[in-house]
PDB file of N, CA and C in Angstrom:
ATOM      1  N   MET A   1     -15.365  29.563  64.084  1.00  0.00           N
ATOM      2  CA  MET A   1     -16.211  29.570  62.905  1.00  0.00           C
ATOM      3  C   MET A   1     -15.492  30.203  61.731  1.00  0.00           C
ATOM      4  N   SER A   2     -14.688  31.229  62.005  1.00  0.00           N
ATOM      5  CA  SER A   2     -13.942  31.855  60.916  1.00  0.00           C
ATOM      6  C   SER A   2     -12.990  30.869  60.271  1.00  0.00           C
ATOM      7  N   LYS A   3     -12.310  30.078  61.098  1.00  0.00           N
ATOM      8  CA  LYS A   3     -11.360  29.095  60.570  1.00  0.00           C
ATOM      9  C   LYS A   3     -12.065  28.024  59.748  1.00  0.00           C
ATOM     10  N   ALA A   4     -13.323  27.740  60.078  1.00  0.00           N
ATOM     11  CA  ALA A   4     -14.094  26.736  59.345  1.00  0.00           C
ATOM     12  C   ALA A   4     -14.810  27.340  58.140  1.00  0.00           C
ATOM     13  N   ASN A   5     -14.584  28.614  57.867  1.00  0.00           N
ATOM     14  CA  ASN A   5     -15.207  29.327  56.754  1.00  0.00           C
ATOM     15  C   ASN A   5     -16.727  29.357  56.842  1.00  0.00           C
ATOM     16  N   ALA A   6     -17.222  29.438  58.056  1.00  0.00           N
ATOM     17  CA  ALA A   6     -18.682  29.548  58.255  1.00  0.00           C
ATOM     18  C   ALA A   6     -19.174  30.851  57.644  1.00  0.00           C
ATOM     19  N   GLN A   7     -20.388  30.826  57.120  1.00  0.00           N
ATOM     20  CA  GLN A   7     -20.984  32.023  56.538  1.00  0.00           C
ATOM     21  C   GLN A   7     -22.172  32.519  57.345  1.00  0.00           C
ATOM     22  N   ALA A   8     -22.660  31.650  58.229  1.00  0.00           N
ATOM     23  CA  ALA A   8     -23.831  32.016  59.018  1.00  0.00           C
ATOM     24  C   ALA A   8     -23.797  31.294  60.358  1.00  0.00           C
ATOM     25  N   VAL A   9     -24.579  31.819  61.296  1.00  0.00           N
ATOM     26  CA  VAL A   9     -24.695  31.198  62.605  1.00  0.00           C
ATOM     27  C   VAL A   9     -26.119  31.402  63.115  1.00  0.00           C
ATOM     28  N   VAL A  10     -26.637  30.380  63.769  1.00  0.00           N
ATOM     29  CA  VAL A  10     -27.955  30.460  64.407  1.00  0.00           C
ATOM     30  C   VAL A  10     -27.697  30.372  65.904  1.00  0.00           C
ATOM     31  N   ILE A  11     -28.179  31.371  66.642  1.00  0.00           N
ATOM     32  CA  ILE A  11     -27.967  31.319  68.087  1.00  0.00           C
ATOM     33  C   ILE A  11     -29.245  30.904  68.796  1.00  0.00           C
ATOM     34  N   GLN A  12     -29.057  30.242  69.902  1.00  0.00           N
ATOM     35  CA  GLN A  12     -30.158  29.741  70.716  1.00  0.00           C
ATOM     36  C   GLN A  12     -30.433  30.720  71.857  1.00  0.00           C
ATOM     37  N   PRO A  13     -31.582  30.579  72.513  1.00  0.00           N
ATOM     38  CA  PRO A  13     -31.931  31.489  73.608  1.00  0.00           C
ATOM     39  C   PRO A  13     -30.885  31.564  74.712  1.00  0.00           C
ATOM     40  N   LEU A  14     -30.065  30.538  74.847  1.00  0.00           N
ATOM     41  CA  LEU A  14     -28.994  30.538  75.838  1.00  0.00           C
ATOM     42  C   LEU A  14     -28.106  31.782  75.707  1.00  0.00           C
ATOM     43  N   PHE A  15     -27.933  32.276  74.503  1.00  0.00           N
ATOM     44  CA  PHE A  15     -27.065  33.420  74.250  1.00  0.00           C
ATOM     45  C   PHE A  15     -27.771  34.763  74.394  1.00  0.00           C
ATOM     46  N   GLN A  16     -29.065  34.737  74.650  1.00  0.00           N
ATOM     47  CA  GLN A  16     -29.859  35.967  74.681  1.00  0.00           C
ATOM     48  C   GLN A  16     -29.288  37.045  75.603  1.00  0.00           C
ATOM     49  N   PRO A  17     -28.782  36.693  76.792  1.00  0.00           N
ATOM     50  CA  PRO A  17     -28.226  37.745  77.646  1.00  0.00           C
ATOM     51  C   PRO A  17     -26.998  38.435  77.033  1.00  0.00           C
ATOM     52  N   HIS A  18     -26.415  37.811  76.020  1.00  0.00           N
ATOM     53  CA  HIS A  18     -25.193  38.342  75.404  1.00  0.00           C
ATOM     54  C   HIS A  18     -25.432  38.813  73.969  1.00  0.00           C
ATOM     55  N   THR A  19     -26.644  39.223  73.684  1.00  0.00           N
ATOM     56  CA  THR A  19     -27.040  39.587  72.328  1.00  0.00           C
ATOM     57  C   THR A  19     -26.086  40.584  71.686  1.00  0.00           C
ATOM     58  N   ARG A  20     -25.824  41.689  72.357  1.00  0.00           N
ATOM     59  CA  ARG A  20     -24.979  42.735  71.755  1.00  0.00           C
ATOM     60  C   ARG A  20     -23.597  42.201  71.379  1.00  0.00           C
ATOM     61  N   LYS A  21     -22.996  41.419  72.264  1.00  0.00           N
ATOM     62  CA  LYS A  21     -21.655  40.886  72.005  1.00  0.00           C
ATOM     63  C   LYS A  21     -21.690  39.892  70.840  1.00  0.00           C
ATOM     64  N   VAL A  22     -22.699  39.034  70.813  1.00  0.00           N
ATOM     65  CA  VAL A  22     -22.816  38.055  69.733  1.00  0.00           C
ATOM     66  C   VAL A  22     -23.018  38.759  68.393  1.00  0.00           C
ATOM     67  N   VAL A  23     -23.863  39.786  68.365  1.00  0.00           N
ATOM     68  CA  VAL A  23     -24.096  40.555  67.134  1.00  0.00           C
ATOM     69  C   VAL A  23     -22.801  41.238  66.696  1.00  0.00           C
ATOM     70  N   GLU A  24     -22.074  41.790  67.647  1.00  0.00           N
ATOM     71  CA  GLU A  24     -20.802  42.456  67.345  1.00  0.00           C
ATOM     72  C   GLU A  24     -19.804  41.469  66.736  1.00  0.00           C
ATOM     73  N   LEU A  25     -19.686  40.296  67.330  1.00  0.00           N
ATOM     74  CA  LEU A  25     -18.756  39.284  66.810  1.00  0.00           C
ATOM     75  C   LEU A  25     -19.180  38.781  65.427  1.00  0.00           C
ATOM     76  N   ALA A  26     -20.466  38.582  65.229  1.00  0.00           N
ATOM     77  CA  ALA A  26     -20.952  38.140  63.926  1.00  0.00           C
ATOM     78  C   ALA A  26     -20.625  39.182  62.858  1.00  0.00           C
ATOM     79  N   GLY A  27     -20.840  40.457  63.172  1.00  0.00           N
ATOM     80  CA  GLY A  27     -20.521  41.523  62.225  1.00  0.00           C
ATOM     81  C   GLY A  27     -19.036  41.583  61.924  1.00  0.00           C
ATOM     82  N   LYS A  28     -18.223  41.461  62.957  1.00  0.00           N
ATOM     83  CA  LYS A  28     -16.756  41.505  62.795  1.00  0.00           C
ATOM     84  C   LYS A  28     -16.263  40.406  61.865  1.00  0.00           C
ATOM     85  N   HIS A  29     -16.909  39.239  61.937  1.00  0.00           N
ATOM     86  CA  HIS A  29     -16.482  38.094  61.136  1.00  0.00           C
ATOM     87  C   HIS A  29     -17.364  37.849  59.907  1.00  0.00           C
ATOM     88  N   HIS A  30     -18.191  38.830  59.577  1.00  0.00           N
ATOM     89  CA  HIS A  30     -19.067  38.772  58.404  1.00  0.00           C
ATOM     90  C   HIS A  30     -19.928  37.508  58.364  1.00  0.00           C
ATOM     91  N   LEU A  31     -20.566  37.222  59.502  1.00  0.00           N
ATOM     92  CA  LEU A  31     -21.450  36.068  59.594  1.00  0.00           C
ATOM     93  C   LEU A  31     -22.904  36.529  59.609  1.00  0.00           C
ATOM     94  N   ALA A  32     -23.725  35.888  58.821  1.00  0.00           N
ATOM     95  CA  ALA A  32     -25.159  36.154  58.866  1.00  0.00           C
ATOM     96  C   ALA A  32     -25.683  35.514  60.153  1.00  0.00           C
ATOM     97  N   LEU A  33     -26.362  36.296  60.972  1.00  0.00           N
ATOM     98  CA  LEU A  33     -26.816  35.832  62.277  1.00  0.00           C
ATOM     99  C   LEU A  33     -28.327  35.684  62.314  1.00  0.00           C
ATOM    100  N   MET A  34     -28.801  34.486  62.681  1.00  0.00           N
ATOM    101  CA  MET A  34     -30.227  34.234  62.820  1.00  0.00           C
ATOM    102  C   MET A  34     -30.509  33.852  64.263  1.00  0.00           C
ATOM    103  N   SER A  35     -31.670  34.276  64.724  1.00  0.00           N
ATOM    104  CA  SER A  35     -32.066  34.010  66.098  1.00  0.00           C
ATOM    105  C   SER A  35     -33.572  33.804  66.152  1.00  0.00           C
ATOM    106  N   SER A  36     -34.034  33.373  67.299  1.00  0.00           N
ATOM    107  CA  SER A  36     -35.477  33.257  67.494  1.00  0.00           C
ATOM    108  C   SER A  36     -36.014  34.444  68.288  1.00  0.00           C
ATOM    109  N   TYR A  37     -35.206  35.482  68.432  1.00  0.00           N
ATOM    110  CA  TYR A  37     -35.636  36.672  69.167  1.00  0.00           C
ATOM    111  C   TYR A  37     -35.512  37.928  68.316  1.00  0.00           C
ATOM    112  N   ARG A  38     -36.582  38.682  68.260  1.00  0.00           N
ATOM    113  CA  ARG A  38     -36.639  39.924  67.501  1.00  0.00           C
ATOM    114  C   ARG A  38     -35.527  40.902  67.908  1.00  0.00           C
ATOM    115  N   ASP A  39     -35.217  40.986  69.213  1.00  0.00           N
ATOM    116  CA  ASP A  39     -34.238  41.974  69.646  1.00  0.00           C
ATOM    117  C   ASP A  39     -32.842  41.684  69.101  1.00  0.00           C
ATOM    118  N   THR A  40     -32.547  40.434  68.756  1.00  0.00           N
ATOM    119  CA  THR A  40     -31.263  40.129  68.126  1.00  0.00           C
ATOM    120  C   THR A  40     -31.197  40.783  66.750  1.00  0.00           C
ATOM    121  N   THR A  41     -32.273  40.712  65.998  1.00  0.00           N
ATOM    122  CA  THR A  41     -32.325  41.332  64.669  1.00  0.00           C
ATOM    123  C   THR A  41     -32.322  42.849  64.799  1.00  0.00           C
ATOM    124  N   GLN A  42     -33.017  43.373  65.779  1.00  0.00           N
ATOM    125  CA  GLN A  42     -33.028  44.820  66.003  1.00  0.00           C
ATOM    126  C   GLN A  42     -31.648  45.331  66.413  1.00  0.00           C
ATOM    127  N   ALA A  43     -30.855  44.463  67.060  1.00  0.00           N
ATOM    128  CA  ALA A  43     -29.505  44.848  67.484  1.00  0.00           C
ATOM    129  C   ALA A  43     -28.482  44.721  66.362  1.00  0.00           C
ATOM    130  N   GLY A  44     -28.882  44.121  65.215  1.00  0.00           N
ATOM    131  CA  GLY A  44     -27.972  44.018  64.087  1.00  0.00           C
ATOM    132  C   GLY A  44     -27.852  42.632  63.490  1.00  0.00           C
ATOM    133  N   GLY A  45     -28.567  41.664  64.034  1.00  0.00           N
ATOM    134  CA  GLY A  45     -28.599  40.341  63.420  1.00  0.00           C
ATOM    135  C   GLY A  45     -29.330  40.417  62.089  1.00  0.00           C
ATOM    136  N   LEU A  46     -29.204  39.406  61.266  1.00  0.00           N
ATOM    137  CA  LEU A  46     -29.812  39.435  59.940  1.00  0.00           C
ATOM    138  C   LEU A  46     -31.307  39.130  59.961  1.00  0.00           C
ATOM    139  N   ILE A  47     -31.705  38.074  60.683  1.00  0.00           N
ATOM    140  CA  ILE A  47     -33.087  37.630  60.591  1.00  0.00           C
ATOM    141  C   ILE A  47     -33.490  36.902  61.874  1.00  0.00           C
ATOM    142  N   SER A  48     -34.745  37.022  62.207  1.00  0.00           N
ATOM    143  CA  SER A  48     -35.285  36.222  63.313  1.00  0.00           C
ATOM    144  C   SER A  48     -36.648  35.689  62.902  1.00  0.00           C
ATOM    145  N   TYR A  49     -36.916  34.480  63.363  1.00  0.00           N
ATOM    146  CA  TYR A  49     -38.204  33.844  63.080  1.00  0.00           C
ATOM    147  C   TYR A  49     -38.561  32.983  64.280  1.00  0.00           C
ATOM    148  N   SER A  50     -39.734  33.214  64.805  1.00  0.00           N
ATOM    149  CA  SER A  50     -40.149  32.442  65.971  1.00  0.00           C
ATOM    150  C   SER A  50     -41.625  32.663  66.257  1.00  0.00           C
ATOM    151  N   ALA A  51     -42.096  31.880  67.217  1.00  0.00           N
ATOM    152  CA  ALA A  51     -43.436  32.130  67.726  1.00  0.00           C
ATOM    153  C   ALA A  51     -43.446  33.531  68.320  1.00  0.00           C
ATOM    154  N   ASP A  52     -44.572  34.184  68.233  1.00  0.00           N
ATOM    155  CA  ASP A  52     -44.715  35.520  68.810  1.00  0.00           C
ATOM    156  C   ASP A  52     -44.603  35.390  70.327  1.00  0.00           C
ATOM    157  N   HIS A  53     -43.480  35.836  70.878  1.00  0.00           N
ATOM    158  CA  HIS A  53     -43.210  35.653  72.305  1.00  0.00           C
ATOM    159  C   HIS A  53     -44.235  36.339  73.192  1.00  0.00           C
ATOM    160  N   GLU A  54     -44.718  37.486  72.799  1.00  0.00           N
ATOM    161  CA  GLU A  54     -45.706  38.195  73.623  1.00  0.00           C
ATOM    162  C   GLU A  54     -46.974  37.353  73.779  1.00  0.00           C
ATOM    163  N   THR A  55     -47.469  36.828  72.679  1.00  0.00           N
ATOM    164  CA  THR A  55     -48.657  35.974  72.720  1.00  0.00           C
ATOM    165  C   THR A  55     -48.372  34.704  73.519  1.00  0.00           C
ATOM    166  N   TYR A  56     -47.208  34.149  73.316  1.00  0.00           N
ATOM    167  CA  TYR A  56     -46.797  32.927  73.999  1.00  0.00           C
ATOM    168  C   TYR A  56     -46.819  33.118  75.521  1.00  0.00           C
ATOM    169  N   PHE A  57     -46.264  34.227  76.001  1.00  0.00           N
ATOM    170  CA  PHE A  57     -46.225  34.479  77.441  1.00  0.00           C
ATOM    171  C   PHE A  57     -47.609  34.827  77.991  1.00  0.00           C
ATOM    172  N   GLN A  58     -48.438  35.477  77.193  1.00  0.00           N
ATOM    173  CA  GLN A  58     -49.806  35.747  77.634  1.00  0.00           C
ATOM    174  C   GLN A  58     -50.561  34.438  77.828  1.00  0.00           C
ATOM    175  N   ARG A  59     -50.399  33.498  76.921  1.00  0.00           N
ATOM    176  CA  ARG A  59     -51.050  32.196  77.054  1.00  0.00           C
ATOM    177  C   ARG A  59     -50.525  31.455  78.282  1.00  0.00           C
ATOM    178  N   ALA A  60     -49.237  31.569  78.557  1.00  0.00           N
ATOM    179  CA  ALA A  60     -48.663  30.927  79.742  1.00  0.00           C
ATOM    180  C   ALA A  60     -49.280  31.509  81.011  1.00  0.00           C
ATOM    181  N   ALA A  61     -49.507  32.815  81.026  1.00  0.00           N
ATOM    182  CA  ALA A  61     -50.119  33.460  82.194  1.00  0.00           C
ATOM    183  C   ALA A  61     -51.537  32.941  82.418  1.00  0.00           C
ATOM    184  N   ILE A  62     -52.252  32.701  81.355  1.00  0.00           N
ATOM    185  CA  ILE A  62     -53.612  32.157  81.471  1.00  0.00           C
ATOM    186  C   ILE A  62     -53.565  30.762  82.102  1.00  0.00           C
ATOM    187  N   TYR A  63     -52.584  29.965  81.697  1.00  0.00           N
ATOM    188  CA  TYR A  63     -52.428  28.630  82.281  1.00  0.00           C
ATOM    189  C   TYR A  63     -52.080  28.719  83.768  1.00  0.00           C
ATOM    190  N   VAL A  64     -51.176  29.615  84.131  1.00  0.00           N
ATOM    191  CA  VAL A  64     -50.820  29.793  85.534  1.00  0.00           C
ATOM    192  C   VAL A  64     -52.055  30.181  86.335  1.00  0.00           C
ATOM    193  N   ASP A  65     -52.847  31.079  85.801  1.00  0.00           N
ATOM    194  CA  ASP A  65     -54.083  31.498  86.481  1.00  0.00           C
ATOM    195  C   ASP A  65     -55.008  30.305  86.716  1.00  0.00           C
ATOM    196  N   LYS A  66     -55.174  29.476  85.700  1.00  0.00           N
ATOM    197  CA  LYS A  66     -56.045  28.302  85.831  1.00  0.00           C
ATOM    198  C   LYS A  66     -55.522  27.343  86.904  1.00  0.00           C
ATOM    199  N   ILE A  67     -54.215  27.151  86.932  1.00  0.00           N
ATOM    200  CA  ILE A  67     -53.609  26.239  87.906  1.00  0.00           C
ATOM    201  C   ILE A  67     -53.762  26.805  89.324  1.00  0.00           C
ATOM    202  N   LEU A  68     -53.544  28.105  89.461  1.00  0.00           N
ATOM    203  CA  LEU A  68     -53.699  28.729  90.777  1.00  0.00           C
ATOM    204  C   LEU A  68     -55.143  28.683  91.270  1.00  0.00           C
ATOM    205  N   LYS A  69     -56.062  28.565  90.334  1.00  0.00           N
ATOM    206  CA  LYS A  69     -57.484  28.467  90.700  1.00  0.00           C
ATOM    207  C   LYS A  69     -57.927  27.013  90.891  1.00  0.00           C
ATOM    208  N   GLY A  70     -56.959  26.081  90.833  1.00  0.00           N
ATOM    209  CA  GLY A  70     -57.277  24.697  91.148  1.00  0.00           C
ATOM    210  C   GLY A  70     -57.239  23.706  90.014  1.00  0.00           C
ATOM    211  N   ALA A  71     -57.037  24.154  88.809  1.00  0.00           N
ATOM    212  CA  ALA A  71     -56.978  23.208  87.682  1.00  0.00           C
ATOM    213  C   ALA A  71     -55.741  22.314  87.814  1.00  0.00           C
ATOM    214  N   LYS A  72     -55.900  21.067  87.422  1.00  0.00           N
ATOM    215  CA  LYS A  72     -54.765  20.147  87.434  1.00  0.00           C
ATOM    216  C   LYS A  72     -53.988  20.337  86.129  1.00  0.00           C
ATOM    217  N   PRO A  73     -52.680  20.588  86.225  1.00  0.00           N
ATOM    218  CA  PRO A  73     -51.888  20.809  84.999  1.00  0.00           C
ATOM    219  C   PRO A  73     -52.055  19.693  83.974  1.00  0.00           C
ATOM    220  N   GLY A  74     -52.164  18.455  84.427  1.00  0.00           N
ATOM    221  CA  GLY A  74     -52.307  17.330  83.504  1.00  0.00           C
ATOM    222  C   GLY A  74     -53.630  17.318  82.757  1.00  0.00           C
ATOM    223  N   ASP A  75     -54.608  18.076  83.266  1.00  0.00           N
ATOM    224  CA  ASP A  75     -55.910  18.133  82.614  1.00  0.00           C
ATOM    225  C   ASP A  75     -56.001  19.254  81.579  1.00  0.00           C
ATOM    226  N   LEU A  76     -55.028  20.134  81.585  1.00  0.00           N
ATOM    227  CA  LEU A  76     -55.056  21.262  80.642  1.00  0.00           C
ATOM    228  C   LEU A  76     -54.541  20.805  79.275  1.00  0.00           C
ATOM    229  N   PRO A  77     -55.166  21.248  78.215  1.00  0.00           N
ATOM    230  CA  PRO A  77     -54.722  20.833  76.876  1.00  0.00           C
ATOM    231  C   PRO A  77     -53.361  21.444  76.531  1.00  0.00           C
ATOM    232  N   ILE A  78     -52.617  20.724  75.739  1.00  0.00           N
ATOM    233  CA  ILE A  78     -51.336  21.237  75.246  1.00  0.00           C
ATOM    234  C   ILE A  78     -51.639  22.193  74.107  1.00  0.00           C
ATOM    235  N   GLU A  79     -50.998  23.350  74.131  1.00  0.00           N
ATOM    236  CA  GLU A  79     -51.182  24.334  73.062  1.00  0.00           C
ATOM    237  C   GLU A  79     -49.884  24.508  72.296  1.00  0.00           C
ATOM    238  N   GLN A  80     -50.031  24.757  71.025  1.00  0.00           N
ATOM    239  CA  GLN A  80     -48.889  25.080  70.180  1.00  0.00           C
ATOM    240  C   GLN A  80     -49.059  26.504  69.683  1.00  0.00           C
ATOM    241  N   PRO A  81     -47.946  27.177  69.449  1.00  0.00           N
ATOM    242  CA  PRO A  81     -48.054  28.543  68.919  1.00  0.00           C
ATOM    243  C   PRO A  81     -48.802  28.545  67.593  1.00  0.00           C
ATOM    244  N   ASN A  82     -49.596  29.575  67.367  1.00  0.00           N
ATOM    245  CA  ASN A  82     -50.296  29.694  66.088  1.00  0.00           C
ATOM    246  C   ASN A  82     -49.987  31.023  65.412  1.00  0.00           C
ATOM    247  N   LYS A  83     -49.138  31.822  66.044  1.00  0.00           N
ATOM    248  CA  LYS A  83     -48.719  33.088  65.448  1.00  0.00           C
ATOM    249  C   LYS A  83     -47.195  33.151  65.498  1.00  0.00           C
ATOM    250  N   PHE A  84     -46.600  33.386  64.350  1.00  0.00           N
ATOM    251  CA  PHE A  84     -45.152  33.476  64.247  1.00  0.00           C
ATOM    252  C   PHE A  84     -44.778  34.839  63.665  1.00  0.00           C
ATOM    253  N   GLU A  85     -43.547  35.277  63.970  1.00  0.00           N
ATOM    254  CA  GLU A  85     -43.122  36.557  63.408  1.00  0.00           C
ATOM    255  C   GLU A  85     -41.753  36.423  62.756  1.00  0.00           C
ATOM    256  N   LEU A  86     -41.625  37.129  61.640  1.00  0.00           N
ATOM    257  CA  LEU A  86     -40.400  37.162  60.860  1.00  0.00           C
ATOM    258  C   LEU A  86     -39.907  38.601  60.829  1.00  0.00           C
ATOM    259  N   VAL A  87     -38.656  38.805  61.256  1.00  0.00           N
ATOM    260  CA  VAL A  87     -38.056  40.136  61.253  1.00  0.00           C
ATOM    261  C   VAL A  87     -36.769  40.061  60.437  1.00  0.00           C
ATOM    262  N   ILE A  88     -36.588  41.004  59.528  1.00  0.00           N
ATOM    263  CA  ILE A  88     -35.418  41.032  58.641  1.00  0.00           C
ATOM    264  C   ILE A  88     -34.736  42.382  58.765  1.00  0.00           C
ATOM    265  N   ASN A  89     -33.421  42.365  58.884  1.00  0.00           N
ATOM    266  CA  ASN A  89     -32.639  43.590  58.984  1.00  0.00           C
ATOM    267  C   ASN A  89     -31.936  43.826  57.642  1.00  0.00           C
ATOM    268  N   LEU A  90     -32.491  44.746  56.846  1.00  0.00           N
ATOM    269  CA  LEU A  90     -31.914  45.038  55.525  1.00  0.00           C
ATOM    270  C   LEU A  90     -30.571  45.748  55.615  1.00  0.00           C
ATOM    271  N   LYS A  91     -30.378  46.514  56.664  1.00  0.00           N
ATOM    272  CA  LYS A  91     -29.095  47.201  56.863  1.00  0.00           C
ATOM    273  C   LYS A  91     -27.979  46.161  57.015  1.00  0.00           C
ATOM    274  N   THR A  92     -28.256  45.125  57.789  1.00  0.00           N
ATOM    275  CA  THR A  92     -27.277  44.050  57.980  1.00  0.00           C
ATOM    276  C   THR A  92     -27.087  43.270  56.684  1.00  0.00           C
ATOM    277  N   ALA A  93     -28.185  42.997  55.982  1.00  0.00           N
ATOM    278  CA  ALA A  93     -28.087  42.282  54.705  1.00  0.00           C
ATOM    279  C   ALA A  93     -27.175  43.032  53.741  1.00  0.00           C
ATOM    280  N   LYS A  94     -27.342  44.331  53.680  1.00  0.00           N
ATOM    281  CA  LYS A  94     -26.508  45.156  52.786  1.00  0.00           C
ATOM    282  C   LYS A  94     -25.044  45.078  53.206  1.00  0.00           C
ATOM    283  N   ALA A  95     -24.774  45.169  54.504  1.00  0.00           N
ATOM    284  CA  ALA A  95     -23.398  45.099  55.005  1.00  0.00           C
ATOM    285  C   ALA A  95     -22.750  43.754  54.684  1.00  0.00           C
ATOM    286  N   LEU A  96     -23.556  42.700  54.611  1.00  0.00           N
ATOM    287  CA  LEU A  96     -23.050  41.359  54.289  1.00  0.00           C
ATOM    288  C   LEU A  96     -23.030  41.090  52.788  1.00  0.00           C
ATOM    289  N   GLY A  97     -23.541  42.030  52.005  1.00  0.00           N
ATOM    290  CA  GLY A  97     -23.594  41.846  50.555  1.00  0.00           C
ATOM    291  C   GLY A  97     -24.674  40.879  50.119  1.00  0.00           C
ATOM    292  N   LEU A  98     -25.739  40.789  50.911  1.00  0.00           N
ATOM    293  CA  LEU A  98     -26.836  39.868  50.610  1.00  0.00           C
ATOM    294  C   LEU A  98     -28.036  40.610  50.047  1.00  0.00           C
ATOM    295  N   THR A  99     -28.747  39.963  49.159  1.00  0.00           N
ATOM    296  CA  THR A  99     -30.000  40.487  48.637  1.00  0.00           C
ATOM    297  C   THR A  99     -31.124  39.609  49.163  1.00  0.00           C
ATOM    298  N   ILE A 100     -32.067  40.229  49.835  1.00  0.00           N
ATOM    299  CA  ILE A 100     -33.209  39.488  50.364  1.00  0.00           C
ATOM    300  C   ILE A 100     -34.284  39.464  49.284  1.00  0.00           C
ATOM    301  N   PRO A 101     -34.776  38.292  48.914  1.00  0.00           N
ATOM    302  CA  PRO A 101     -35.803  38.213  47.871  1.00  0.00           C
ATOM    303  C   PRO A 101     -37.064  38.988  48.257  1.00  0.00           C
ATOM    304  N   PRO A 102     -37.646  39.702  47.305  1.00  0.00           N
ATOM    305  CA  PRO A 102     -38.868  40.464  47.586  1.00  0.00           C
ATOM    306  C   PRO A 102     -39.985  39.601  48.171  1.00  0.00           C
ATOM    307  N   SER A 103     -40.071  38.347  47.744  1.00  0.00           N
ATOM    308  CA  SER A 103     -41.124  37.470  48.262  1.00  0.00           C
ATOM    309  C   SER A 103     -40.959  37.232  49.762  1.00  0.00           C
ATOM    310  N   LEU A 104     -39.727  37.203  50.245  1.00  0.00           N
ATOM    311  CA  LEU A 104     -39.476  37.037  51.678  1.00  0.00           C
ATOM    312  C   LEU A 104     -39.763  38.339  52.424  1.00  0.00           C
ATOM    313  N   LEU A 105     -39.399  39.452  51.817  1.00  0.00           N
ATOM    314  CA  LEU A 105     -39.675  40.764  52.439  1.00  0.00           C
ATOM    315  C   LEU A 105     -41.179  40.981  52.619  1.00  0.00           C
ATOM    316  N   LEU A 106     -41.964  40.509  51.646  1.00  0.00           N
ATOM    317  CA  LEU A 106     -43.410  40.660  51.739  1.00  0.00           C
ATOM    318  C   LEU A 106     -44.001  39.853  52.890  1.00  0.00           C
ATOM    319  N   ARG A 107     -43.355  38.767  53.251  1.00  0.00           N
ATOM    320  CA  ARG A 107     -43.830  37.917  54.335  1.00  0.00           C
ATOM    321  C   ARG A 107     -43.397  38.426  55.712  1.00  0.00           C
ATOM    322  N   ALA A 108     -42.430  39.328  55.751  1.00  0.00           N
ATOM    323  CA  ALA A 108     -41.886  39.800  57.032  1.00  0.00           C
ATOM    324  C   ALA A 108     -42.901  40.622  57.813  1.00  0.00           C
ATOM    325  N   ASP A 109     -42.893  40.422  59.119  1.00  0.00           N
ATOM    326  CA  ASP A 109     -43.725  41.221  60.011  1.00  0.00           C
ATOM    327  C   ASP A 109     -43.079  42.578  60.268  1.00  0.00           C
ATOM    328  N   GLN A 110     -41.740  42.600  60.203  1.00  0.00           N
ATOM    329  CA  GLN A 110     -41.005  43.852  60.377  1.00  0.00           C
ATOM    330  C   GLN A 110     -39.762  43.798  59.513  1.00  0.00           C
ATOM    331  N   VAL A 111     -39.485  44.883  58.802  1.00  0.00           N
ATOM    332  CA  VAL A 111     -38.280  45.025  58.007  1.00  0.00           C
ATOM    333  C   VAL A 111     -37.533  46.241  58.549  1.00  0.00           C
ATOM    334  N   ILE A 112     -36.309  46.018  58.994  1.00  0.00           N
ATOM    335  CA  ILE A 112     -35.495  47.101  59.543  1.00  0.00           C
ATOM    336  C   ILE A 112     -34.626  47.623  58.412  1.00  0.00           C
ATOM    337  N   GLU A 113     -34.753  48.933  58.150  1.00  0.00           N
ATOM    338  CA  GLU A 113     -33.983  49.524  57.038  1.00  0.00           C
ATOM    339  C   GLU A 113     -32.860  50.391  57.529  1.00  0.00           C
TER     340      GLU A 113
END
């Protein structure tokens, strides 16, 4: 990515077990790092935006309970996330020389300073 003059990278959940290393490499190469997991931003990534994983897993548990009680999976309605969270790391933004617009900061669920 450095050779291609990349300025940012978005990582997928596949990299989640390697969060610290990915954050370290992004910082070393001055790449803005975005993820769908809050802990990536808490570890030093720039921003994360995704469905609220806690709510998502709670809903999955309810479905498992229904299935274990005899419900047919095909009869259960499909649900989509209705709660999303935005986390911004201002410390990382400053290190990258980025200014986060106030309008985006106001929308954030968590701002790490």
